[in-house]
């Protein structure tokens, strides 16, 4: 399968693992929970958490999807909002395992994405589609001064159903003024690919996040890129300073 570039009129980006480098963030969140388990606290909790993140295909999306299927996503977010108001936060969010405080720390942006977004925004309307809260995604985009590139930020409570259902992409397409089949969904997990396909969009998988190449291909990704910034070489090769070479060479090929 290949991407029909003549169909592409708008871009939909997943956030965690696609434009935001969130591995360490997720490790900290899982470790915060494991800290409460006897004999698993401290450094052992961090090690177990990292193993969980590295082995899970879709650690965040799978959890949110399960909540969605059970009809528990709205109560969950209401409870989390209430807990946030009641919980005493650490004074320094960057050095705490307080899950709510950790959410306030901006993740790193995947290398090259900031510049790529600036180039592509001149020619394509764009949206982000995430299972995170709109407020968190907005903070992340504002921190890196790229929020103005996006027509809408689609989050966990924007539509009745989350990924892998088509609802978020259908909402994004309407916000950008295009048909769903004119969108290109870019993401790092099978949830992203399934969402795009369910909505009739074309899909590209990226390997800078949580999904593997085999998983993404099996889910139906029409193209696999080693990292998100390689998209510039696909859509606008004349503007790609690497001349369509990957920004993330395979270390095994060296």
C-alpha atoms as a PDB file:
ATOM      1  CA  UNK A   1       0.000   0.000   0.000  1.00  0.00           C
ATOM      2  CA  UNK A   2       1.128   3.547  -0.708  1.00  0.00           C
ATOM      3  CA  UNK A   3      -0.192   7.005   0.092  1.00  0.00           C
ATOM      4  CA  UNK A   4      -2.049   8.782  -2.705  1.00  0.00           C
ATOM      5  CA  UNK A   5      -0.592  12.270  -2.232  1.00  0.00           C
ATOM      6  CA  UNK A   6      -3.116  13.784  -4.640  1.00  0.00           C
ATOM      7  CA  UNK A   7      -5.849  13.045  -2.073  1.00  0.00           C
ATOM      8  CA  UNK A   8      -4.116  14.681   0.881  1.00  0.00           C
ATOM      9  CA  UNK A   9      -5.610  18.060   1.768  1.00  0.00           C
ATOM     10  CA  UNK A  10      -5.268  18.029   5.582  1.00  0.00           C
ATOM     11  CA  UNK A  11      -3.133  16.441   8.295  1.00  0.00           C
ATOM     12  CA  UNK A  12      -4.156  14.826  11.579  1.00  0.00           C
ATOM     13  CA  UNK A  13      -1.380  14.179  14.097  1.00  0.00           C
ATOM     14  CA  UNK A  14      -1.442  11.955  17.131  1.00  0.00           C
ATOM     15  CA  UNK A  15       0.407  13.625  20.026  1.00  0.00           C
ATOM     16  CA  UNK A  16       2.029  11.192  22.491  1.00  0.00           C
ATOM     17  CA  UNK A  17       4.822   9.337  20.726  1.00  0.00           C
ATOM     18  CA  UNK A  18       4.254  11.196  17.458  1.00  0.00           C
ATOM     19  CA  UNK A  19       4.962  14.867  18.109  1.00  0.00           C
ATOM     20  CA  UNK A  20       5.601  14.577  21.868  1.00  0.00           C
ATOM     21  CA  UNK A  21       8.338  12.321  23.211  1.00  0.00           C
ATOM     22  CA  UNK A  22       6.497  10.881  26.199  1.00  0.00           C
ATOM     23  CA  UNK A  23       8.331   7.692  27.212  1.00  0.00           C
ATOM     24  CA  UNK A  24       9.843   9.156  30.395  1.00  0.00           C
ATOM     25  CA  UNK A  25       6.592  10.904  31.283  1.00  0.00           C
ATOM     26  CA  UNK A  26       4.662   7.628  31.156  1.00  0.00           C
ATOM     27  CA  UNK A  27       7.349   5.865  33.173  1.00  0.00           C
ATOM     28  CA  UNK A  28       6.971   8.481  35.910  1.00  0.00           C
ATOM     29  CA  UNK A  29       3.178   8.145  35.948  1.00  0.00           C
ATOM     30  CA  UNK A  30       3.238   4.352  36.182  1.00  0.00           C
ATOM     31  CA  UNK A  31       5.972   4.467  38.840  1.00  0.00           C
ATOM     32  CA  UNK A  32       3.792   6.815  40.891  1.00  0.00           C
ATOM     33  CA  UNK A  33       1.130   4.105  41.047  1.00  0.00           C
ATOM     34  CA  UNK A  34       3.610   1.294  41.704  1.00  0.00           C
ATOM     35  CA  UNK A  35       5.119   3.268  44.593  1.00  0.00           C
ATOM     36  CA  UNK A  36       2.042   2.310  46.625  1.00  0.00           C
ATOM     37  CA  UNK A  37       2.592  -1.424  46.087  1.00  0.00           C
ATOM     38  CA  UNK A  38       4.534  -3.190  48.872  1.00  0.00           C
ATOM     39  CA  UNK A  39       8.003  -4.398  47.825  1.00  0.00           C
ATOM     40  CA  UNK A  40       7.772  -2.513  44.500  1.00  0.00           C
ATOM     41  CA  UNK A  41       8.362   1.071  45.622  1.00  0.00           C
ATOM     42  CA  UNK A  42      11.325   3.330  44.936  1.00  0.00           C
ATOM     43  CA  UNK A  43      13.848   2.473  42.241  1.00  0.00           C
ATOM     44  CA  UNK A  44      12.250  -0.934  41.737  1.00  0.00           C
ATOM     45  CA  UNK A  45       8.980   0.805  40.798  1.00  0.00           C
ATOM     46  CA  UNK A  46      10.770   2.914  38.223  1.00  0.00           C
ATOM     47  CA  UNK A  47      12.421  -0.129  36.671  1.00  0.00           C
ATOM     48  CA  UNK A  48       9.141  -2.062  36.470  1.00  0.00           C
ATOM     49  CA  UNK A  49       7.389   0.995  35.029  1.00  0.00           C
ATOM     50  CA  UNK A  50       9.981   1.357  32.299  1.00  0.00           C
ATOM     51  CA  UNK A  51       9.617  -2.322  31.408  1.00  0.00           C
ATOM     52  CA  UNK A  52       5.849  -1.864  31.172  1.00  0.00           C
ATOM     53  CA  UNK A  53       6.171   1.135  28.844  1.00  0.00           C
ATOM     54  CA  UNK A  54       8.696  -0.565  26.595  1.00  0.00           C
ATOM     55  CA  UNK A  55       6.652  -3.768  26.312  1.00  0.00           C
ATOM     56  CA  UNK A  56       3.181  -2.269  25.935  1.00  0.00           C
ATOM     57  CA  UNK A  57       2.064  -1.638  22.376  1.00  0.00           C
ATOM     58  CA  UNK A  58      -0.265   1.207  23.281  1.00  0.00           C
ATOM     59  CA  UNK A  59      -0.006   1.908  27.036  1.00  0.00           C
ATOM     60  CA  UNK A  60      -2.061   5.092  27.102  1.00  0.00           C
ATOM     61  CA  UNK A  61      -4.465   4.535  24.234  1.00  0.00           C
ATOM     62  CA  UNK A  62      -5.360   0.999  25.284  1.00  0.00           C
ATOM     63  CA  UNK A  63      -6.303   2.141  28.779  1.00  0.00           C
ATOM     64  CA  UNK A  64      -8.449   5.011  27.529  1.00  0.00           C
ATOM     65  CA  UNK A  65     -10.047   2.792  24.894  1.00  0.00           C
ATOM     66  CA  UNK A  66     -11.031   0.265  27.569  1.00  0.00           C
ATOM     67  CA  UNK A  67     -12.613   3.044  29.642  1.00  0.00           C
ATOM     68  CA  UNK A  68     -14.436   4.208  26.529  1.00  0.00           C
ATOM     69  CA  UNK A  69     -15.825   0.755  25.728  1.00  0.00           C
ATOM     70  CA  UNK A  70     -17.032   0.391  29.316  1.00  0.00           C
ATOM     71  CA  UNK A  71     -18.623   3.830  29.273  1.00  0.00           C
ATOM     72  CA  UNK A  72     -16.393   4.972  32.140  1.00  0.00           C
ATOM     73  CA  UNK A  73     -14.320   7.676  30.451  1.00  0.00           C
ATOM     74  CA  UNK A  74     -16.460  10.633  31.555  1.00  0.00           C
ATOM     75  CA  UNK A  75     -16.692   9.567  35.226  1.00  0.00           C
ATOM     76  CA  UNK A  76     -12.951   8.865  35.202  1.00  0.00           C
ATOM     77  CA  UNK A  77     -12.084  12.365  34.037  1.00  0.00           C
ATOM     78  CA  UNK A  78     -14.502  13.954  36.482  1.00  0.00           C
ATOM     79  CA  UNK A  79     -12.892  11.976  39.292  1.00  0.00           C
ATOM     80  CA  UNK A  80      -9.431  12.970  38.140  1.00  0.00           C
ATOM     81  CA  UNK A  81     -10.416  16.644  38.063  1.00  0.00           C
ATOM     82  CA  UNK A  82     -11.738  16.363  41.604  1.00  0.00           C
ATOM     83  CA  UNK A  83      -8.617  14.609  42.830  1.00  0.00           C
ATOM     84  CA  UNK A  84      -6.508  17.337  41.233  1.00  0.00           C
ATOM     85  CA  UNK A  85      -8.239  19.975  43.344  1.00  0.00           C
ATOM     86  CA  UNK A  86      -7.868  17.997  46.542  1.00  0.00           C
ATOM     87  CA  UNK A  87      -4.341  16.700  46.174  1.00  0.00           C
ATOM     88  CA  UNK A  88      -1.412  18.544  47.680  1.00  0.00           C
ATOM     89  CA  UNK A  89       1.108  18.912  44.864  1.00  0.00           C
ATOM     90  CA  UNK A  90       4.858  18.739  45.227  1.00  0.00           C
ATOM     91  CA  UNK A  91       6.662  22.082  45.074  1.00  0.00           C
ATOM     92  CA  UNK A  92       8.771  21.040  42.110  1.00  0.00           C
ATOM     93  CA  UNK A  93       6.802  19.064  39.472  1.00  0.00           C
ATOM     94  CA  UNK A  94       9.988  18.025  37.709  1.00  0.00           C
ATOM     95  CA  UNK A  95      11.164  16.064  40.766  1.00  0.00           C
ATOM     96  CA  UNK A  96       8.008  14.423  42.096  1.00  0.00           C
ATOM     97  CA  UNK A  97       5.963  11.322  41.457  1.00  0.00           C
ATOM     98  CA  UNK A  98       2.741  13.228  42.020  1.00  0.00           C
ATOM     99  CA  UNK A  99       0.883  12.217  38.846  1.00  0.00           C
ATOM    100  CA  UNK A 100      -1.030  15.480  38.627  1.00  0.00           C
ATOM    101  CA  UNK A 101       2.127  17.546  39.036  1.00  0.00           C
ATOM    102  CA  UNK A 102       3.946  15.486  36.424  1.00  0.00           C
ATOM    103  CA  UNK A 103       1.211  16.402  33.950  1.00  0.00           C
ATOM    104  CA  UNK A 104       2.305  20.036  34.263  1.00  0.00           C
ATOM    105  CA  UNK A 105       5.829  19.334  32.973  1.00  0.00           C
ATOM    106  CA  UNK A 106       6.071  19.866  29.194  1.00  0.00           C
ATOM    107  CA  UNK A 107       7.290  16.776  27.375  1.00  0.00           C
ATOM    108  CA  UNK A 108      10.118  17.000  24.892  1.00  0.00           C
ATOM    109  CA  UNK A 109       9.067  17.452  21.286  1.00  0.00           C
ATOM    110  CA  UNK A 110      10.180  14.741  18.872  1.00  0.00           C
ATOM    111  CA  UNK A 111      13.285  16.146  17.110  1.00  0.00           C
ATOM    112  CA  UNK A 112      12.590  18.028  13.894  1.00  0.00           C
ATOM    113  CA  UNK A 113       8.827  18.201  14.395  1.00  0.00           C
ATOM    114  CA  UNK A 114       8.716  21.887  15.342  1.00  0.00           C
ATOM    115  CA  UNK A 115      10.374  22.913  12.080  1.00  0.00           C
ATOM    116  CA  UNK A 116       8.341  20.402  10.072  1.00  0.00           C
ATOM    117  CA  UNK A 117       5.059  21.778  11.404  1.00  0.00           C
ATOM    118  CA  UNK A 118       6.032  25.313  10.415  1.00  0.00           C
ATOM    119  CA  UNK A 119       6.733  24.181   6.846  1.00  0.00           C
ATOM    120  CA  UNK A 120       3.622  22.059   6.424  1.00  0.00           C
ATOM    121  CA  UNK A 121       1.253  24.560   8.060  1.00  0.00           C
ATOM    122  CA  UNK A 122       1.790  26.895   5.119  1.00  0.00           C
ATOM    123  CA  UNK A 123       0.120  24.362   2.815  1.00  0.00           C
ATOM    124  CA  UNK A 124      -2.109  22.085   4.894  1.00  0.00           C
ATOM    125  CA  UNK A 125      -4.716  22.659   7.613  1.00  0.00           C
ATOM    126  CA  UNK A 126      -3.770  20.525  10.617  1.00  0.00           C
ATOM    127  CA  UNK A 127      -5.308  19.104  13.796  1.00  0.00           C
ATOM    128  CA  UNK A 128      -4.048  17.035  16.700  1.00  0.00           C
ATOM    129  CA  UNK A 129      -5.974  13.959  17.840  1.00  0.00           C
ATOM    130  CA  UNK A 130      -5.140  12.630  21.297  1.00  0.00           C
ATOM    131  CA  UNK A 131      -6.568  10.556  24.123  1.00  0.00           C
ATOM    132  CA  UNK A 132      -5.145  13.165  26.518  1.00  0.00           C
ATOM    133  CA  UNK A 133      -7.044  16.154  27.818  1.00  0.00           C
ATOM    134  CA  UNK A 134      -7.332  19.209  25.596  1.00  0.00           C
ATOM    135  CA  UNK A 135      -5.850  21.362  28.371  1.00  0.00           C
ATOM    136  CA  UNK A 136      -2.666  19.246  28.539  1.00  0.00           C
ATOM    137  CA  UNK A 137      -2.229  19.171  24.775  1.00  0.00           C
ATOM    138  CA  UNK A 138      -2.843  22.915  24.547  1.00  0.00           C
ATOM    139  CA  UNK A 139      -0.140  23.537  27.161  1.00  0.00           C
ATOM    140  CA  UNK A 140       2.302  21.362  25.269  1.00  0.00           C
ATOM    141  CA  UNK A 141       1.644  23.075  21.923  1.00  0.00           C
ATOM    142  CA  UNK A 142       1.790  26.554  23.450  1.00  0.00           C
ATOM    143  CA  UNK A 143       5.057  25.714  25.203  1.00  0.00           C
ATOM    144  CA  UNK A 144       6.699  24.958  21.858  1.00  0.00           C
ATOM    145  CA  UNK A 145       4.905  27.858  20.132  1.00  0.00           C
ATOM    146  CA  UNK A 146       3.152  25.682  17.549  1.00  0.00           C
ATOM    147  CA  UNK A 147      -0.479  25.912  18.719  1.00  0.00           C
ATOM    148  CA  UNK A 148      -1.326  28.475  16.024  1.00  0.00           C
ATOM    149  CA  UNK A 149      -0.556  25.893  13.337  1.00  0.00           C
ATOM    150  CA  UNK A 150      -3.557  23.748  14.318  1.00  0.00           C
ATOM    151  CA  UNK A 151      -7.198  24.359  13.414  1.00  0.00           C
ATOM    152  CA  UNK A 152      -8.355  22.307  16.402  1.00  0.00           C
ATOM    153  CA  UNK A 153      -7.072  20.211  19.289  1.00  0.00           C
ATOM    154  CA  UNK A 154      -9.147  17.047  19.670  1.00  0.00           C
ATOM    155  CA  UNK A 155      -8.898  15.424  23.090  1.00  0.00           C
ATOM    156  CA  UNK A 156     -10.382  12.713  25.244  1.00  0.00           C
ATOM    157  CA  UNK A 157     -13.643  14.557  25.878  1.00  0.00           C
ATOM    158  CA  UNK A 158     -14.084  16.300  22.516  1.00  0.00           C
ATOM    159  CA  UNK A 159     -16.141  13.526  20.920  1.00  0.00           C
ATOM    160  CA  UNK A 160     -18.508  10.866  22.319  1.00  0.00           C
ATOM    161  CA  UNK A 161     -15.984   8.121  21.518  1.00  0.00           C
ATOM    162  CA  UNK A 162     -12.179   8.139  21.397  1.00  0.00           C
ATOM    163  CA  UNK A 163      -9.661   6.316  19.237  1.00  0.00           C
ATOM    164  CA  UNK A 164      -9.861   3.738  17.679  1.00  0.00           C
ATOM    165  CA  UNK A 165     -13.352   4.916  16.735  1.00  0.00           C
ATOM    166  CA  UNK A 166     -13.554   7.342  13.785  1.00  0.00           C
ATOM    167  CA  UNK A 167     -15.278  10.112  15.785  1.00  0.00           C
ATOM    168  CA  UNK A 168     -12.149  12.197  16.575  1.00  0.00           C
ATOM    169  CA  UNK A 169     -11.001  12.274  12.954  1.00  0.00           C
ATOM    170  CA  UNK A 170     -14.495  13.057  11.679  1.00  0.00           C
ATOM    171  CA  UNK A 171     -14.575  15.994  14.100  1.00  0.00           C
ATOM    172  CA  UNK A 172     -11.119  17.143  12.979  1.00  0.00           C
ATOM    173  CA  UNK A 173     -12.044  16.938   9.297  1.00  0.00           C
ATOM    174  CA  UNK A 174     -15.085  19.135   9.888  1.00  0.00           C
ATOM    175  CA  UNK A 175     -12.978  21.648  11.833  1.00  0.00           C
ATOM    176  CA  UNK A 176     -10.522  21.834   8.935  1.00  0.00           C
ATOM    177  CA  UNK A 177     -13.242  22.090   6.292  1.00  0.00           C
ATOM    178  CA  UNK A 178     -12.297  18.924   4.403  1.00  0.00           C
ATOM    179  CA  UNK A 179     -13.798  15.490   3.820  1.00  0.00           C
ATOM    180  CA  UNK A 180     -12.477  12.663   6.031  1.00  0.00           C
ATOM    181  CA  UNK A 181     -11.028  10.807   3.035  1.00  0.00           C
ATOM    182  CA  UNK A 182      -8.925  13.900   2.268  1.00  0.00           C
ATOM    183  CA  UNK A 183      -7.158  13.637   5.637  1.00  0.00           C
ATOM    184  CA  UNK A 184      -3.860  11.937   6.364  1.00  0.00           C
ATOM    185  CA  UNK A 185      -3.627  10.442   9.868  1.00  0.00           C
ATOM    186  CA  UNK A 186      -0.103  10.250  11.298  1.00  0.00           C
ATOM    187  CA  UNK A 187       0.518   8.239  14.458  1.00  0.00           C
ATOM    188  CA  UNK A 188       2.758   5.806  16.292  1.00  0.00           C
ATOM    189  CA  UNK A 189       0.239   3.162  17.390  1.00  0.00           C
ATOM    190  CA  UNK A 190      -2.296   0.797  15.897  1.00  0.00           C
ATOM    191  CA  UNK A 191      -5.009   2.886  17.562  1.00  0.00           C
ATOM    192  CA  UNK A 192      -4.069   5.826  15.340  1.00  0.00           C
ATOM    193  CA  UNK A 193      -4.037   3.702  12.198  1.00  0.00           C
ATOM    194  CA  UNK A 194      -7.371   2.091  13.031  1.00  0.00           C
ATOM    195  CA  UNK A 195      -8.927   5.490  13.669  1.00  0.00           C
ATOM    196  CA  UNK A 196      -7.787   6.781  10.304  1.00  0.00           C
ATOM    197  CA  UNK A 197      -8.972   3.716   8.433  1.00  0.00           C
ATOM    198  CA  UNK A 198     -12.335   3.712  10.226  1.00  0.00           C
ATOM    199  CA  UNK A 199     -12.893   7.303   9.095  1.00  0.00           C
ATOM    200  CA  UNK A 200     -11.814   6.601   5.500  1.00  0.00           C
ATOM    201  CA  UNK A 201      -8.558   8.556   5.786  1.00  0.00           C
ATOM    202  CA  UNK A 202      -5.116   7.527   4.617  1.00  0.00           C
ATOM    203  CA  UNK A 203      -2.606   6.625   7.311  1.00  0.00           C
ATOM    204  CA  UNK A 204       1.113   6.848   8.044  1.00  0.00           C
ATOM    205  CA  UNK A 205       2.775   5.081  10.958  1.00  0.00           C
ATOM    206  CA  UNK A 206       5.886   6.440  12.668  1.00  0.00           C
ATOM    207  CA  UNK A 207       8.446   4.445  14.653  1.00  0.00           C
ATOM    208  CA  UNK A 208       9.491   7.144  17.142  1.00  0.00           C
ATOM    209  CA  UNK A 209       6.805   6.128  19.643  1.00  0.00           C
ATOM    210  CA  UNK A 210       5.309   2.894  20.924  1.00  0.00           C
ATOM    211  CA  UNK A 211       4.222   0.847  17.913  1.00  0.00           C
ATOM    212  CA  UNK A 212       6.419  -1.538  15.952  1.00  0.00           C
ATOM    213  CA  UNK A 213       6.650  -1.669  12.177  1.00  0.00           C
ATOM    214  CA  UNK A 214       4.933  -5.046  12.018  1.00  0.00           C
ATOM    215  CA  UNK A 215       2.065  -3.880  14.226  1.00  0.00           C
ATOM    216  CA  UNK A 216       1.529  -0.710  12.230  1.00  0.00           C
ATOM    217  CA  UNK A 217       1.619  -2.515   8.896  1.00  0.00           C
ATOM    218  CA  UNK A 218      -0.781  -5.176  10.133  1.00  0.00           C
ATOM    219  CA  UNK A 219      -3.182  -2.446  11.271  1.00  0.00           C
ATOM    220  CA  UNK A 220      -3.167  -1.057   7.723  1.00  0.00           C
ATOM    221  CA  UNK A 221      -0.664   1.793   7.681  1.00  0.00           C
ATOM    222  CA  UNK A 222       0.005   2.745   4.065  1.00  0.00           C
ATOM    223  CA  UNK A 223       3.480   4.061   4.797  1.00  0.00           C
ATOM    224  CA  UNK A 224       5.940   3.674   7.688  1.00  0.00           C
ATOM    225  CA  UNK A 225       8.418   6.433   8.612  1.00  0.00           C
ATOM    226  CA  UNK A 226      11.248   6.082  11.110  1.00  0.00           C
ATOM    227  CA  UNK A 227      10.373   9.417  12.717  1.00  0.00           C
ATOM    228  CA  UNK A 228       7.645  12.028  12.336  1.00  0.00           C
ATOM    229  CA  UNK A 229       9.805  14.752  10.805  1.00  0.00           C
ATOM    230  CA  UNK A 230      10.439  12.455   7.813  1.00  0.00           C
ATOM    231  CA  UNK A 231       6.908  13.405   6.731  1.00  0.00           C
ATOM    232  CA  UNK A 232       8.296  16.634   5.269  1.00  0.00           C
ATOM    233  CA  UNK A 233      10.294  14.630   2.742  1.00  0.00           C
ATOM    234  CA  UNK A 234       7.128  12.764   1.730  1.00  0.00           C
ATOM    235  CA  UNK A 235       4.777  15.706   1.350  1.00  0.00           C
ATOM    236  CA  UNK A 236       7.164  18.484   0.368  1.00  0.00           C
ATOM    237  CA  UNK A 237      10.521  16.979  -0.685  1.00  0.00           C
ATOM    238  CA  UNK A 238      11.744  20.266  -2.160  1.00  0.00           C
ATOM    239  CA  UNK A 239      11.559  21.825   1.313  1.00  0.00           C
ATOM    240  CA  UNK A 240      13.261  18.900   3.066  1.00  0.00           C
ATOM    241  CA  UNK A 241      16.872  19.791   4.001  1.00  0.00           C
ATOM    242  CA  UNK A 242      17.675  16.056   4.235  1.00  0.00           C
ATOM    243  CA  UNK A 243      16.477  15.465   0.663  1.00  0.00           C
ATOM    244  CA  UNK A 244      14.086  12.685   1.672  1.00  0.00           C
ATOM    245  CA  UNK A 245      16.609  10.843   3.840  1.00  0.00           C
ATOM    246  CA  UNK A 246      15.411   9.791   7.286  1.00  0.00           C
ATOM    247  CA  UNK A 247      16.270  11.969  10.274  1.00  0.00           C
ATOM    248  CA  UNK A 248      16.539   8.784  12.347  1.00  0.00           C
ATOM    249  CA  UNK A 249      18.834   6.257  10.660  1.00  0.00           C
ATOM    250  CA  UNK A 250      18.513   2.608  11.646  1.00  0.00           C
ATOM    251  CA  UNK A 251      21.347   1.960  14.142  1.00  0.00           C
ATOM    252  CA  UNK A 252      21.511  -1.670  12.981  1.00  0.00           C
ATOM    253  CA  UNK A 253      22.386  -0.486   9.476  1.00  0.00           C
ATOM    254  CA  UNK A 254      25.578   1.206  10.602  1.00  0.00           C
END
